[in-house]
PDB file of N, CA and C in Angstrom:
ATOM      1  N   MET A   1       1.077  -1.217   0.219  1.00  0.00           N
ATOM      2  CA  MET A   1      -0.235  -0.109  -0.334  1.00  0.00           C
ATOM      3  C   MET A   1       0.973   1.273   0.280  1.00  0.00           C
ATOM      4  N   LYS A   2       1.955   1.153   1.135  1.00  0.00           N
ATOM      5  CA  LYS A   2       2.963   2.170   0.925  1.00  0.00           C
ATOM      6  C   LYS A   2       3.339   2.497  -0.202  1.00  0.00           C
ATOM      7  N   ARG A   3       3.834   1.317  -1.205  1.00  0.00           N
ATOM      8  CA  ARG A   3       4.485   1.764  -2.617  1.00  0.00           C
ATOM      9  C   ARG A   3       3.470   2.558  -3.456  1.00  0.00           C
ATOM     10  N   ILE A   4       2.138   2.067  -3.446  1.00  0.00           N
ATOM     11  CA  ILE A   4       1.410   2.650  -4.184  1.00  0.00           C
ATOM     12  C   ILE A   4       1.042   4.122  -3.909  1.00  0.00           C
ATOM     13  N   ILE A   5       0.772   4.568  -2.755  1.00  0.00           N
ATOM     14  CA  ILE A   5       0.999   6.031  -2.664  1.00  0.00           C
ATOM     15  C   ILE A   5       2.076   6.589  -2.551  1.00  0.00           C
ATOM     16  N   ILE A   6       3.389   6.054  -2.504  1.00  0.00           N
ATOM     17  CA  ILE A   6       4.538   7.021  -2.724  1.00  0.00           C
ATOM     18  C   ILE A   6       4.549   7.205  -4.791  1.00  0.00           C
ATOM     19  N   ALA A   7       4.206   5.622  -5.020  1.00  0.00           N
ATOM     20  CA  ALA A   7       4.299   5.738  -6.684  1.00  0.00           C
ATOM     21  C   ALA A   7       3.342   7.553  -7.175  1.00  0.00           C
ATOM     22  N   ALA A   8       2.366   6.941  -6.476  1.00  0.00           N
ATOM     23  CA  ALA A   8       1.551   8.111  -7.233  1.00  0.00           C
ATOM     24  C   ALA A   8       1.616   9.416  -6.830  1.00  0.00           C
ATOM     25  N   ALA A   9       2.012   9.367  -5.583  1.00  0.00           N
ATOM     26  CA  ALA A   9       2.838  10.839  -5.344  1.00  0.00           C
ATOM     27  C   ALA A   9       3.752  10.984  -6.210  1.00  0.00           C
ATOM     28  N   ALA A  10       5.164  10.340  -6.629  1.00  0.00           N
ATOM     29  CA  ALA A  10       5.918  10.948  -7.425  1.00  0.00           C
ATOM     30  C   ALA A  10       5.066  11.234  -8.885  1.00  0.00           C
ATOM     31  N   ALA A  11       4.499  10.555  -9.278  1.00  0.00           N
ATOM     32  CA  ALA A  11       3.541  10.855 -10.739  1.00  0.00           C
ATOM     33  C   ALA A  11       3.284  12.115 -10.687  1.00  0.00           C
ATOM     34  N   ALA A  12       2.330  12.428  -9.605  1.00  0.00           N
ATOM     35  CA  ALA A  12       1.681  13.772  -9.730  1.00  0.00           C
ATOM     36  C   ALA A  12       2.974  14.891  -9.524  1.00  0.00           C
ATOM     37  N   LEU A  13       3.844  15.058  -8.777  1.00  0.00           N
ATOM     38  CA  LEU A  13       5.135  15.386  -8.864  1.00  0.00           C
ATOM     39  C   LEU A  13       5.810  15.628 -10.125  1.00  0.00           C
ATOM     40  N   ALA A  14       5.729  14.661 -10.585  1.00  0.00           N
ATOM     41  CA  ALA A  14       6.429  14.713 -12.539  1.00  0.00           C
ATOM     42  C   ALA A  14       5.504  15.522 -13.128  1.00  0.00           C
ATOM     43  N   THR A  15       4.574  14.963 -12.870  1.00  0.00           N
ATOM     44  CA  THR A  15       3.348  16.227 -14.119  1.00  0.00           C
ATOM     45  C   THR A  15       3.189  17.784 -13.732  1.00  0.00           C
ATOM     46  N   THR A  16       3.619  17.703 -12.633  1.00  0.00           N
ATOM     47  CA  THR A  16       3.700  19.357 -11.871  1.00  0.00           C
ATOM     48  C   THR A  16       4.587  19.962 -12.221  1.00  0.00           C
ATOM     49  N   GLY A  17       6.027  19.260 -12.341  1.00  0.00           N
ATOM     50  CA  GLY A  17       7.062  19.610 -12.845  1.00  0.00           C
ATOM     51  C   GLY A  17       6.749  20.052 -14.571  1.00  0.00           C
ATOM     52  N   ALA A  18       6.265  18.975 -14.976  1.00  0.00           N
ATOM     53  CA  ALA A  18       6.281  19.284 -16.633  1.00  0.00           C
ATOM     54  C   ALA A  18       5.375  20.738 -17.012  1.00  0.00           C
ATOM     55  N   ALA A  19       4.284  20.327 -16.274  1.00  0.00           N
ATOM     56  CA  ALA A  19       3.644  21.652 -16.814  1.00  0.00           C
ATOM     57  C   ALA A  19       3.793  22.698 -16.531  1.00  0.00           C
ATOM     58  N   ALA A  20       4.833  23.245 -15.434  1.00  0.00           N
ATOM     59  CA  ALA A  20       5.519  24.442 -15.236  1.00  0.00           C
ATOM     60  C   ALA A  20       6.937  24.859 -16.411  1.00  0.00           C
ATOM     61  N   GLN A  21       7.393  23.919 -16.782  1.00  0.00           N
ATOM     62  CA  GLN A  21       7.737  23.836 -17.789  1.00  0.00           C
ATOM     63  C   GLN A  21       7.880  23.950 -19.027  1.00  0.00           C
ATOM     64  N   SER A  22       6.165  23.367 -19.337  1.00  0.00           N
ATOM     65  CA  SER A  22       6.014  23.688 -20.869  1.00  0.00           C
ATOM     66  C   SER A  22       5.316  25.080 -20.872  1.00  0.00           C
ATOM     67  N   GLY A  23       5.568  25.770 -20.020  1.00  0.00           N
ATOM     68  CA  GLY A  23       4.998  27.633 -20.101  1.00  0.00           C
ATOM     69  C   GLY A  23       6.286  28.228 -20.473  1.00  0.00           C
ATOM     70  N   GLN A  24       7.361  27.869 -20.251  1.00  0.00           N
ATOM     71  CA  GLN A  24       8.603  28.448 -20.975  1.00  0.00           C
ATOM     72  C   GLN A  24       8.563  28.258 -22.285  1.00  0.00           C
ATOM     73  N   GLN A  25       8.924  29.397 -22.826  1.00  0.00           N
ATOM     74  CA  GLN A  25       8.988  29.520 -24.718  1.00  0.00           C
ATOM     75  C   GLN A  25      10.501  30.698 -24.372  1.00  0.00           C
ATOM     76  N   GLY A  26      11.156  30.351 -25.811  1.00  0.00           N
ATOM     77  CA  GLY A  26      11.678  31.209 -26.429  1.00  0.00           C
ATOM     78  C   GLY A  26      13.192  31.351 -25.712  1.00  0.00           C
ATOM     79  N   SER A  27      13.816  32.512 -25.805  1.00  0.00           N
ATOM     80  CA  SER A  27      14.814  32.684 -24.865  1.00  0.00           C
ATOM     81  C   SER A  27      14.992  32.762 -23.506  1.00  0.00           C
ATOM     82  N   HIS A  28      15.574  32.197 -22.677  1.00  0.00           N
ATOM     83  CA  HIS A  28      15.395  32.505 -21.150  1.00  0.00           C
ATOM     84  C   HIS A  28      16.291  33.477 -20.701  1.00  0.00           C
ATOM     85  N   ASN A  29      17.037  34.093 -21.736  1.00  0.00           N
ATOM     86  CA  ASN A  29      17.739  35.574 -21.396  1.00  0.00           C
ATOM     87  C   ASN A  29      17.176  37.072 -21.690  1.00  0.00           C
ATOM     88  N   PRO A  30      17.100  37.346 -20.672  1.00  0.00           N
ATOM     89  CA  PRO A  30      16.063  38.813 -20.946  1.00  0.00           C
ATOM     90  C   PRO A  30      16.379  40.059 -21.757  1.00  0.00           C
ATOM     91  N   VAL A  31      17.727  39.596 -22.342  1.00  0.00           N
ATOM     92  CA  VAL A  31      18.248  41.063 -22.894  1.00  0.00           C
ATOM     93  C   VAL A  31      17.835  40.610 -24.394  1.00  0.00           C
ATOM     94  N   VAL A  32      17.410  39.225 -24.750  1.00  0.00           N
ATOM     95  CA  VAL A  32      16.834  38.946 -26.105  1.00  0.00           C
ATOM     96  C   VAL A  32      15.599  37.941 -26.252  1.00  0.00           C
ATOM     97  N   LYS A  33      15.011  38.745 -24.967  1.00  0.00           N
ATOM     98  CA  LYS A  33      13.671  37.685 -24.969  1.00  0.00           C
ATOM     99  C   LYS A  33      12.668  38.308 -26.044  1.00  0.00           C
ATOM    100  N   ASP A  34      12.411  39.538 -26.298  1.00  0.00           N
ATOM    101  CA  ASP A  34      12.017  40.098 -27.098  1.00  0.00           C
ATOM    102  C   ASP A  34      11.605  39.801 -28.343  1.00  0.00           C
ATOM    103  N   GLY A  35      13.383  39.703 -29.190  1.00  0.00           N
ATOM    104  CA  GLY A  35      13.927  39.196 -30.392  1.00  0.00           C
ATOM    105  C   GLY A  35      13.464  40.513 -31.073  1.00  0.00           C
ATOM    106  N   THR A  36      13.931  41.731 -30.533  1.00  0.00           N
ATOM    107  CA  THR A  36      13.598  42.677 -31.625  1.00  0.00           C
ATOM    108  C   THR A  36      15.414  43.281 -31.274  1.00  0.00           C
ATOM    109  N   ALA A  37      15.960  43.348 -32.468  1.00  0.00           N
ATOM    110  CA  ALA A  37      17.283  43.880 -32.817  1.00  0.00           C
ATOM    111  C   ALA A  37      17.507  45.613 -32.468  1.00  0.00           C
ATOM    112  N   HIS A  38      18.518  45.911 -31.298  1.00  0.00           N
ATOM    113  CA  HIS A  38      18.330  47.508 -31.154  1.00  0.00           C
ATOM    114  C   HIS A  38      19.933  47.981 -31.668  1.00  0.00           C
ATOM    115  N   HIS A  39      19.991  48.753 -31.741  1.00  0.00           N
ATOM    116  CA  HIS A  39      21.071  49.751 -32.479  1.00  0.00           C
ATOM    117  C   HIS A  39      21.779  50.435 -31.317  1.00  0.00           C
ATOM    118  N   VAL A  40      22.879  50.591 -31.743  1.00  0.00           N
ATOM    119  CA  VAL A  40      23.797  50.873 -30.584  1.00  0.00           C
ATOM    120  C   VAL A  40      24.734  51.448 -31.083  1.00  0.00           C
ATOM    121  N   GLY A  41      25.572  52.242 -30.216  1.00  0.00           N
ATOM    122  CA  GLY A  41      26.995  53.015 -30.803  1.00  0.00           C
ATOM    123  C   GLY A  41      27.895  52.104 -30.764  1.00  0.00           C
ATOM    124  N   ALA A  42      27.877  51.256 -29.939  1.00  0.00           N
ATOM    125  CA  ALA A  42      29.487  50.068 -29.544  1.00  0.00           C
ATOM    126  C   ALA A  42      28.653  48.572 -29.501  1.00  0.00           C
ATOM    127  N   PRO A  43      29.478  47.959 -30.125  1.00  0.00           N
ATOM    128  CA  PRO A  43      28.634  46.624 -29.949  1.00  0.00           C
ATOM    129  C   PRO A  43      29.319  46.050 -28.359  1.00  0.00           C
ATOM    130  N   ALA A  44      28.468  45.427 -27.525  1.00  0.00           N
ATOM    131  CA  ALA A  44      28.691  45.076 -26.135  1.00  0.00           C
ATOM    132  C   ALA A  44      29.692  43.933 -26.026  1.00  0.00           C
ATOM    133  N   LYS A  45      30.769  43.422 -25.103  1.00  0.00           N
ATOM    134  CA  LYS A  45      31.973  42.838 -25.172  1.00  0.00           C
ATOM    135  C   LYS A  45      31.376  41.270 -24.449  1.00  0.00           C
ATOM    136  N   GLY A  46      31.822  40.368 -25.023  1.00  0.00           N
ATOM    137  CA  GLY A  46      31.440  39.095 -24.448  1.00  0.00           C
ATOM    138  C   GLY A  46      31.239  38.133 -25.409  1.00  0.00           C
ATOM    139  N   HIS A  47      30.850  36.861 -25.253  1.00  0.00           N
ATOM    140  CA  HIS A  47      30.871  35.576 -26.094  1.00  0.00           C
ATOM    141  C   HIS A  47      29.346  35.357 -26.496  1.00  0.00           C
ATOM    142  N   SER A  48      29.254  35.427 -27.509  1.00  0.00           N
ATOM    143  CA  SER A  48      27.960  35.252 -28.200  1.00  0.00           C
ATOM    144  C   SER A  48      27.253  33.905 -28.283  1.00  0.00           C
ATOM    145  N   SER A  49      25.697  33.577 -28.233  1.00  0.00           N
ATOM    146  CA  SER A  49      25.237  32.040 -27.924  1.00  0.00           C
ATOM    147  C   SER A  49      24.847  32.063 -29.201  1.00  0.00           C
ATOM    148  N   PHE A  50      24.624  33.221 -30.135  1.00  0.00           N
ATOM    149  CA  PHE A  50      24.269  33.269 -31.418  1.00  0.00           C
ATOM    150  C   PHE A  50      24.878  32.185 -32.320  1.00  0.00           C
ATOM    151  N   THR A  51      24.318  31.341 -33.200  1.00  0.00           N
ATOM    152  CA  THR A  51      24.854  30.676 -34.303  1.00  0.00           C
ATOM    153  C   THR A  51      24.934  31.592 -35.520  1.00  0.00           C
ATOM    154  N   GLU A  52      25.366  31.092 -36.345  1.00  0.00           N
ATOM    155  CA  GLU A  52      26.052  32.386 -37.672  1.00  0.00           C
ATOM    156  C   GLU A  52      24.491  32.612 -38.483  1.00  0.00           C
ATOM    157  N   SER A  53      23.645  31.461 -38.507  1.00  0.00           N
ATOM    158  CA  SER A  53      22.367  31.550 -39.181  1.00  0.00           C
ATOM    159  C   SER A  53      21.537  32.235 -38.591  1.00  0.00           C
ATOM    160  N   GLN A  54      21.233  32.224 -36.895  1.00  0.00           N
ATOM    161  CA  GLN A  54      20.833  33.192 -36.074  1.00  0.00           C
ATOM    162  C   GLN A  54      21.370  34.578 -36.152  1.00  0.00           C
ATOM    163  N   ALA A  55      22.242  34.870 -36.459  1.00  0.00           N
ATOM    164  CA  ALA A  55      23.068  36.441 -36.279  1.00  0.00           C
ATOM    165  C   ALA A  55      22.815  36.836 -37.601  1.00  0.00           C
ATOM    166  N   ARG A  56      22.641  35.882 -38.855  1.00  0.00           N
ATOM    167  CA  ARG A  56      22.486  36.431 -40.198  1.00  0.00           C
ATOM    168  C   ARG A  56      20.411  36.728 -39.749  1.00  0.00           C
ATOM    169  N   GLY A  57      19.902  35.807 -39.146  1.00  0.00           N
ATOM    170  CA  GLY A  57      18.201  36.199 -38.928  1.00  0.00           C
ATOM    171  C   GLY A  57      17.889  37.134 -38.441  1.00  0.00           C
ATOM    172  N   ARG A  58      18.902  37.621 -37.501  1.00  0.00           N
ATOM    173  CA  ARG A  58      18.212  38.472 -36.471  1.00  0.00           C
ATOM    174  C   ARG A  58      18.486  39.590 -37.477  1.00  0.00           C
ATOM    175  N   LEU A  59      19.939  39.820 -38.206  1.00  0.00           N
ATOM    176  CA  LEU A  59      20.124  41.166 -39.069  1.00  0.00           C
ATOM    177  C   LEU A  59      19.306  41.242 -39.923  1.00  0.00           C
ATOM    178  N   ALA A  60      18.677  40.416 -41.050  1.00  0.00           N
ATOM    179  CA  ALA A  60      17.582  40.587 -41.826  1.00  0.00           C
ATOM    180  C   ALA A  60      16.346  41.049 -41.065  1.00  0.00           C
ATOM    181  N   LYS A  61      15.768  40.277 -39.939  1.00  0.00           N
ATOM    182  CA  LYS A  61      14.861  41.294 -39.422  1.00  0.00           C
ATOM    183  C   LYS A  61      14.749  42.429 -39.102  1.00  0.00           C
ATOM    184  N   ALA A  62      16.091  43.020 -38.967  1.00  0.00           N
ATOM    185  CA  ALA A  62      15.998  44.722 -38.686  1.00  0.00           C
ATOM    186  C   ALA A  62      16.428  45.455 -39.955  1.00  0.00           C
ATOM    187  N   GLY A  63      16.210  44.838 -41.143  1.00  0.00           N
ATOM    188  CA  GLY A  63      16.239  45.048 -42.291  1.00  0.00           C
ATOM    189  C   GLY A  63      17.458  45.196 -42.987  1.00  0.00           C
ATOM    190  N   TYR A  64      18.519  44.248 -42.783  1.00  0.00           N
ATOM    191  CA  TYR A  64      19.557  44.115 -43.418  1.00  0.00           C
ATOM    192  C   TYR A  64      19.427  42.985 -44.485  1.00  0.00           C
ATOM    193  N   THR A  65      19.864  43.544 -46.139  1.00  0.00           N
ATOM    194  CA  THR A  65      19.738  42.658 -47.126  1.00  0.00           C
ATOM    195  C   THR A  65      21.404  42.212 -47.578  1.00  0.00           C
ATOM    196  N   ARG A  66      21.577  41.219 -48.316  1.00  0.00           N
ATOM    197  CA  ARG A  66      22.839  41.327 -48.861  1.00  0.00           C
ATOM    198  C   ARG A  66      24.137  40.915 -48.150  1.00  0.00           C
ATOM    199  N   ILE A  67      23.536  40.269 -46.900  1.00  0.00           N
ATOM    200  CA  ILE A  67      24.367  40.005 -45.757  1.00  0.00           C
ATOM    201  C   ILE A  67      25.338  39.099 -45.691  1.00  0.00           C
ATOM    202  N   THR A  68      27.042  39.417 -46.123  1.00  0.00           N
ATOM    203  CA  THR A  68      28.412  38.678 -46.658  1.00  0.00           C
ATOM    204  C   THR A  68      29.095  38.722 -45.533  1.00  0.00           C
ATOM    205  N   GLY A  69      30.357  37.718 -45.677  1.00  0.00           N
ATOM    206  CA  GLY A  69      31.260  37.955 -45.033  1.00  0.00           C
ATOM    207  C   GLY A  69      31.180  37.627 -43.539  1.00  0.00           C
ATOM    208  N   LEU A  70      29.948  37.018 -42.840  1.00  0.00           N
ATOM    209  CA  LEU A  70      29.594  37.146 -41.521  1.00  0.00           C
ATOM    210  C   LEU A  70      30.582  35.912 -40.741  1.00  0.00           C
ATOM    211  N   LYS A  71      31.506  36.856 -39.746  1.00  0.00           N
ATOM    212  CA  LYS A  71      32.145  35.906 -39.090  1.00  0.00           C
ATOM    213  C   LYS A  71      32.351  36.553 -37.845  1.00  0.00           C
ATOM    214  N   GLY A  72      32.531  35.257 -36.455  1.00  0.00           N
ATOM    215  CA  GLY A  72      32.852  35.629 -35.307  1.00  0.00           C
ATOM    216  C   GLY A  72      34.382  36.728 -35.205  1.00  0.00           C
ATOM    217  N   THR A  73      33.857  37.564 -34.430  1.00  0.00           N
ATOM    218  CA  THR A  73      35.296  38.798 -33.985  1.00  0.00           C
ATOM    219  C   THR A  73      35.777  38.345 -32.476  1.00  0.00           C
ATOM    220  N   GLU A  74      37.082  38.526 -32.221  1.00  0.00           N
ATOM    221  CA  GLU A  74      37.564  37.766 -31.126  1.00  0.00           C
ATOM    222  C   GLU A  74      36.933  38.550 -30.023  1.00  0.00           C
ATOM    223  N   ASN A  75      36.164  39.536 -30.031  1.00  0.00           N
ATOM    224  CA  ASN A  75      35.410  39.809 -28.937  1.00  0.00           C
ATOM    225  C   ASN A  75      34.035  39.695 -28.770  1.00  0.00           C
ATOM    226  N   GLY A  76      33.798  38.420 -29.174  1.00  0.00           N
ATOM    227  CA  GLY A  76      32.583  37.486 -29.375  1.00  0.00           C
ATOM    228  C   GLY A  76      31.377  37.831 -30.005  1.00  0.00           C
ATOM    229  N   ALA A  77      31.498  39.090 -30.807  1.00  0.00           N
ATOM    230  CA  ALA A  77      30.409  39.246 -31.993  1.00  0.00           C
ATOM    231  C   ALA A  77      30.266  38.608 -33.128  1.00  0.00           C
ATOM    232  N   TRP A  78      29.567  39.013 -34.239  1.00  0.00           N
ATOM    233  CA  TRP A  78      29.299  38.599 -35.587  1.00  0.00           C
ATOM    234  C   TRP A  78      29.406  39.556 -36.098  1.00  0.00           C
ATOM    235  N   GLN A  79      30.432  39.602 -37.289  1.00  0.00           N
ATOM    236  CA  GLN A  79      30.193  40.885 -37.831  1.00  0.00           C
ATOM    237  C   GLN A  79      30.567  40.735 -39.584  1.00  0.00           C
ATOM    238  N   GLY A  80      30.060  41.381 -40.219  1.00  0.00           N
ATOM    239  CA  GLY A  80      30.019  41.335 -41.801  1.00  0.00           C
ATOM    240  C   GLY A  80      29.322  42.627 -42.708  1.00  0.00           C
ATOM    241  N   MET A  81      29.188  42.519 -43.982  1.00  0.00           N
ATOM    242  CA  MET A  81      28.700  43.270 -44.582  1.00  0.00           C
ATOM    243  C   MET A  81      27.521  43.296 -44.976  1.00  0.00           C
ATOM    244  N   ALA A  82      26.655  43.937 -44.722  1.00  0.00           N
ATOM    245  CA  ALA A  82      25.555  44.173 -45.046  1.00  0.00           C
ATOM    246  C   ALA A  82      24.706  45.542 -46.075  1.00  0.00           C
ATOM    247  N   MET A  83      23.490  45.238 -46.618  1.00  0.00           N
ATOM    248  CA  MET A  83      23.179  46.629 -47.020  1.00  0.00           C
ATOM    249  C   MET A  83      21.482  46.626 -46.326  1.00  0.00           C
ATOM    250  N   LYS A  84      21.447  48.355 -46.270  1.00  0.00           N
ATOM    251  CA  LYS A  84      20.467  48.342 -45.532  1.00  0.00           C
ATOM    252  C   LYS A  84      19.889  50.313 -46.628  1.00  0.00           C
ATOM    253  N   ASN A  85      18.761  50.385 -47.003  1.00  0.00           N
ATOM    254  CA  ASN A  85      18.279  51.899 -47.319  1.00  0.00           C
ATOM    255  C   ASN A  85      19.557  52.159 -48.554  1.00  0.00           C
ATOM    256  N   GLY A  86      20.057  51.058 -49.643  1.00  0.00           N
ATOM    257  CA  GLY A  86      20.940  51.383 -50.409  1.00  0.00           C
ATOM    258  C   GLY A  86      22.149  51.614 -50.202  1.00  0.00           C
ATOM    259  N   LYS A  87      22.677  51.056 -48.866  1.00  0.00           N
ATOM    260  CA  LYS A  87      23.826  51.994 -48.710  1.00  0.00           C
ATOM    261  C   LYS A  87      24.526  49.969 -47.985  1.00  0.00           C
ATOM    262  N   LYS A  88      25.882  50.515 -48.533  1.00  0.00           N
ATOM    263  CA  LYS A  88      26.554  48.841 -47.654  1.00  0.00           C
ATOM    264  C   LYS A  88      27.397  49.172 -46.433  1.00  0.00           C
ATOM    265  N   ARG A  89      27.184  48.690 -45.348  1.00  0.00           N
ATOM    266  CA  ARG A  89      27.749  48.883 -44.073  1.00  0.00           C
ATOM    267  C   ARG A  89      28.124  47.923 -43.391  1.00  0.00           C
ATOM    268  N   THR A  90      29.073  48.170 -42.976  1.00  0.00           N
ATOM    269  CA  THR A  90      29.919  46.795 -41.862  1.00  0.00           C
ATOM    270  C   THR A  90      29.038  46.809 -40.705  1.00  0.00           C
ATOM    271  N   VAL A  91      28.253  45.805 -40.323  1.00  0.00           N
ATOM    272  CA  VAL A  91      27.374  45.625 -39.431  1.00  0.00           C
ATOM    273  C   VAL A  91      28.229  44.419 -38.359  1.00  0.00           C
ATOM    274  N   THR A  92      27.838  44.911 -37.167  1.00  0.00           N
ATOM    275  CA  THR A  92      28.366  44.050 -35.625  1.00  0.00           C
ATOM    276  C   THR A  92      26.863  43.419 -35.051  1.00  0.00           C
ATOM    277  N   LEU A  93      26.399  42.453 -35.044  1.00  0.00           N
ATOM    278  CA  LEU A  93      25.645  41.810 -33.806  1.00  0.00           C
ATOM    279  C   LEU A  93      26.484  41.520 -32.730  1.00  0.00           C
ATOM    280  N   ASP A  94      26.413  41.721 -31.565  1.00  0.00           N
ATOM    281  CA  ASP A  94      26.935  41.653 -29.962  1.00  0.00           C
ATOM    282  C   ASP A  94      25.972  40.727 -29.542  1.00  0.00           C
ATOM    283  N   TYR A  95      26.397  39.819 -28.417  1.00  0.00           N
ATOM    284  CA  TYR A  95      25.921  39.028 -27.723  1.00  0.00           C
ATOM    285  C   TYR A  95      24.545  39.170 -27.426  1.00  0.00           C
ATOM    286  N   LYS A  96      24.136  40.380 -26.793  1.00  0.00           N
ATOM    287  CA  LYS A  96      23.008  40.739 -26.735  1.00  0.00           C
ATOM    288  C   LYS A  96      21.615  40.798 -27.516  1.00  0.00           C
ATOM    289  N   GLY A  97      22.205  40.913 -29.204  1.00  0.00           N
ATOM    290  CA  GLY A  97      21.556  40.975 -30.013  1.00  0.00           C
ATOM    291  C   GLY A  97      21.240  42.147 -30.412  1.00  0.00           C
ATOM    292  N   ASN A  98      21.720  43.551 -29.998  1.00  0.00           N
ATOM    293  CA  ASN A  98      22.405  44.853 -30.709  1.00  0.00           C
ATOM    294  C   ASN A  98      22.920  44.813 -31.840  1.00  0.00           C
ATOM    295  N   ILE A  99      22.728  45.664 -32.643  1.00  0.00           N
ATOM    296  CA  ILE A  99      23.584  45.612 -33.920  1.00  0.00           C
ATOM    297  C   ILE A  99      23.871  47.381 -34.022  1.00  0.00           C
ATOM    298  N   THR A 100      25.351  46.907 -34.382  1.00  0.00           N
ATOM    299  CA  THR A 100      25.767  48.061 -34.912  1.00  0.00           C
ATOM    300  C   THR A 100      26.336  48.369 -36.327  1.00  0.00           C
ATOM    301  N   ALA A 101      25.997  49.602 -36.942  1.00  0.00           N
ATOM    302  CA  ALA A 101      26.439  49.398 -38.223  1.00  0.00           C
ATOM    303  C   ALA A 101      27.142  51.304 -38.567  1.00  0.00           C
ATOM    304  N   ARG A 102      28.107  50.705 -39.525  1.00  0.00           N
ATOM    305  CA  ARG A 102      29.260  51.806 -39.713  1.00  0.00           C
ATOM    306  C   ARG A 102      29.390  51.760 -40.814  1.00  0.00           C
TER     307      ARG A 102
END
């Protein structure tokens, strides 16, 4: 009888934990949670967890096209060339998801 009660309690706890976890979606980093790219004066230093594909997608979402030469920098950001509003620019995406264009 005790085994049945313990098993039922364990099953109830497992279900409660799964339900609590299923409510979490998207990035758990509050800096990039909204998915909006912000333009800043200088990129923040820190290692980026973005893949090249994710970095390319964030730049495209911010209106950049013809994104080429995207490489990781020694400061942990992604940097390459892109077009926006008919101008070719050097763009940098830092680990926070901020974009710097020059």
